[in-house]
Amino acid sequence: AALPGTWETTASDGTIFRQVVSWVADEHVLKFERSAKAPGGEWVSESLFVWYWDPAYDHIATLYLDGHGTVIHGKVESITRSGDAVTIVASHEGSRFGGLTMSTQATQVITDKTITTTFQDMSLDGMRHKMSWSEGAQTIDRVK
């Protein structure tokens, strides 16, 4: 299962969410660019997420940035393979808009056709908090 490619899902209101994953910086950084297009609208950039090897801490580090001013740092805890599926578990912590701190653990199961993401232990300012997007599995489909 390879991550680079174009992945999409459509929300119940018809909004299309697209994630383009590509290698950059001589294949040292994996870049995830997310955009959205409402019905009849234009594509709007929503967020940037990068994964890279951090030699100072000897792990794969992550950085998430979005249009709300969110800055979330993280690290990959594990990568496992079972058959054709790869499972990546990563922990994330940082600041969301409005000065809130956020932390969570994300699990991604990647196949050649889908990426399914679930979140565990979502917290805002150290307290368990349900986010509309964090309570169920999210699946996106490869389109390219």
Protein backbone atom coordinates (compact mmCIF):
# COMPACT_ATOMS: atom_id res chain seq x y z
CA ALA A 1 0.00 0.00 0.00
CA ALA A 2 1.52 3.29 -1.11
CA LEU A 3 0.45 6.70 0.20
CA PRO A 4 1.45 8.97 -2.72
CA GLY A 5 -1.51 9.71 -4.95
CA THR A 6 -4.82 11.58 -4.95
CA TRP A 7 -7.51 10.58 -2.45
CA GLU A 8 -11.09 11.88 -2.21
CA THR A 9 -14.29 11.59 -0.24
CA THR A 10 -17.64 13.34 -0.61
CA ALA A 11 -19.56 14.66 2.41
CA SER A 12 -23.33 14.34 2.76
CA ASP A 13 -23.76 17.98 1.61
CA GLY A 14 -21.88 17.22 -1.64
CA THR A 15 -18.59 18.86 -0.61
CA ILE A 16 -15.61 17.00 -2.08
CA PHE A 17 -12.53 16.69 0.10
CA ARG A 18 -9.30 15.94 -1.78
CA GLN A 19 -5.97 14.92 -0.30
CA VAL A 20 -2.93 14.88 -2.59
CA VAL A 21 0.01 12.97 -1.13
CA SER A 22 3.45 13.36 -2.69
CA TRP A 23 7.14 13.02 -1.96
CA VAL A 24 9.05 16.34 -1.88
CA ALA A 25 12.57 17.48 -0.89
CA ASP A 26 14.30 14.67 -2.79
CA GLU A 27 11.88 12.14 -1.24
CA HIS A 28 12.81 13.11 2.32
CA VAL A 29 9.39 14.61 3.14
CA LEU A 30 5.93 13.15 2.58
CA LYS A 31 3.49 16.02 1.95
CA PHE A 32 -0.30 15.81 2.37
CA GLU A 33 -2.24 18.74 0.87
CA ARG A 34 -5.94 18.85 1.66
CA SER A 35 -8.47 20.96 -0.23
CA ALA A 36 -12.25 21.13 -0.42
CA LYS A 37 -14.80 22.04 -3.08
CA ALA A 38 -18.40 22.85 -2.17
CA PRO A 39 -21.06 22.09 -4.79
CA GLY A 40 -20.71 24.73 -7.52
CA GLY A 41 -17.68 26.24 -5.81
CA GLU A 42 -13.95 26.42 -6.38
CA TRP A 43 -11.22 24.32 -4.78
CA VAL A 44 -10.06 25.86 -1.48
CA SER A 45 -6.83 24.89 0.27
CA GLU A 46 -7.55 23.68 3.82
CA SER A 47 -4.42 22.19 5.34
CA LEU A 48 -0.89 20.95 4.94
CA PHE A 49 0.49 17.92 6.76
CA VAL A 50 4.10 16.74 6.43
CA TRP A 51 5.94 13.66 7.66
CA TYR A 52 9.73 13.63 7.84
CA TRP A 53 12.60 11.81 9.52
CA ASP A 54 13.78 13.75 12.60
CA PRO A 55 17.38 12.67 13.26
CA ALA A 56 17.55 14.60 16.56
CA TYR A 57 14.83 12.37 18.06
CA ASP A 58 15.33 9.29 15.87
CA HIS A 59 11.71 9.03 14.69
CA ILE A 60 9.32 10.04 11.94
CA ALA A 61 7.96 13.46 12.94
CA THR A 62 4.77 15.11 11.69
CA LEU A 63 3.60 18.70 11.38
CA TYR A 64 0.01 19.76 10.63
CA LEU A 65 -0.95 23.33 9.68
CA ASP A 66 -4.35 24.67 8.66
CA GLY A 67 -6.15 27.85 7.69
CA HIS A 68 -7.43 28.38 11.24
CA GLY A 69 -3.89 28.79 12.59
CA THR A 70 -3.68 25.27 13.96
CA VAL A 71 -0.13 23.98 14.54
CA ILE A 72 0.09 20.33 15.60
CA HIS A 73 3.35 18.43 16.06
CA GLY A 74 3.47 14.67 16.23
CA LYS A 75 5.41 11.50 15.79
CA VAL A 76 4.79 8.12 14.26
CA GLU A 77 4.58 5.52 17.04
CA SER A 78 4.40 2.42 14.85
CA ILE A 79 4.09 1.13 11.30
CA THR A 80 2.89 -2.44 10.76
CA ARG A 81 1.86 -4.50 7.76
CA SER A 82 -0.80 -7.19 7.62
CA GLY A 83 -1.37 -8.62 4.16
CA ASP A 84 -1.96 -5.72 1.78
CA ALA A 85 -2.76 -3.22 4.56
CA VAL A 86 -0.32 -0.92 6.34
CA THR A 87 -1.31 0.51 9.74
CA ILE A 88 0.32 3.70 11.00
CA VAL A 89 -0.24 4.92 14.56
CA ALA A 90 0.84 8.48 15.38
CA SER A 91 0.46 10.77 18.38
CA HIS A 92 -0.23 14.49 17.89
CA GLU A 93 -0.18 17.52 20.17
CA GLY A 94 -0.27 21.25 19.60
CA SER A 95 -2.33 24.43 19.47
CA ARG A 96 -5.64 24.97 17.75
CA PHE A 97 -7.25 28.30 16.92
CA GLY A 98 -8.43 30.25 19.95
CA GLY A 99 -5.40 29.17 21.99
CA LEU A 100 -6.72 25.69 22.79
CA THR A 101 -4.24 22.85 23.12
CA MET A 102 -5.16 19.62 21.39
CA SER A 103 -3.85 16.09 21.64
CA THR A 104 -4.91 12.81 20.08
CA GLN A 105 -3.67 9.54 18.69
CA ALA A 106 -4.52 8.73 15.08
CA THR A 107 -4.58 5.31 13.47
CA GLN A 108 -4.50 5.06 9.68
CA VAL A 109 -5.09 1.82 7.80
CA ILE A 110 -3.83 2.18 4.24
CA THR A 111 -4.64 -0.15 1.36
CA ASP A 112 -4.13 0.36 -2.37
CA LYS A 113 -7.69 1.74 -2.60
CA THR A 114 -8.51 3.44 0.73
CA ILE A 115 -7.16 5.23 3.78
CA THR A 116 -9.28 4.80 6.91
CA THR A 117 -8.44 7.09 9.84
CA THR A 118 -9.68 6.83 13.41
CA PHE A 119 -8.83 9.05 16.38
CA GLN A 120 -8.40 7.94 19.97
CA ASP A 121 -8.24 10.03 23.17
CA MET A 122 -9.11 13.39 21.55
CA SER A 123 -8.52 16.11 24.15
CA LEU A 124 -8.78 19.90 24.21
CA ASP A 125 -6.94 21.70 27.02
CA GLY A 126 -6.28 18.31 28.64
CA MET A 127 -9.94 17.27 28.82
CA ARG A 128 -11.61 14.58 26.70
CA HIS A 129 -13.52 16.33 23.95
CA LYS A 130 -15.56 14.92 21.10
CA MET A 131 -14.99 16.68 17.79
CA SER A 132 -17.49 16.21 14.96
CA TRP A 133 -14.75 14.70 12.79
CA SER A 134 -13.06 12.60 15.49
CA GLU A 135 -15.78 10.24 16.66
CA GLY A 136 -16.08 7.88 13.73
CA ALA A 137 -13.86 6.30 11.12
CA GLN A 138 -13.12 8.47 8.09
CA THR A 139 -12.41 6.72 4.81
CA ILE A 140 -11.06 8.33 1.67
CA ASP A 141 -10.72 6.60 -1.69
CA ARG A 142 -7.80 6.64 -4.12
CA VAL A 143 -8.76 8.38 -7.36
CA LYS A 144 -5.23 8.55 -8.88
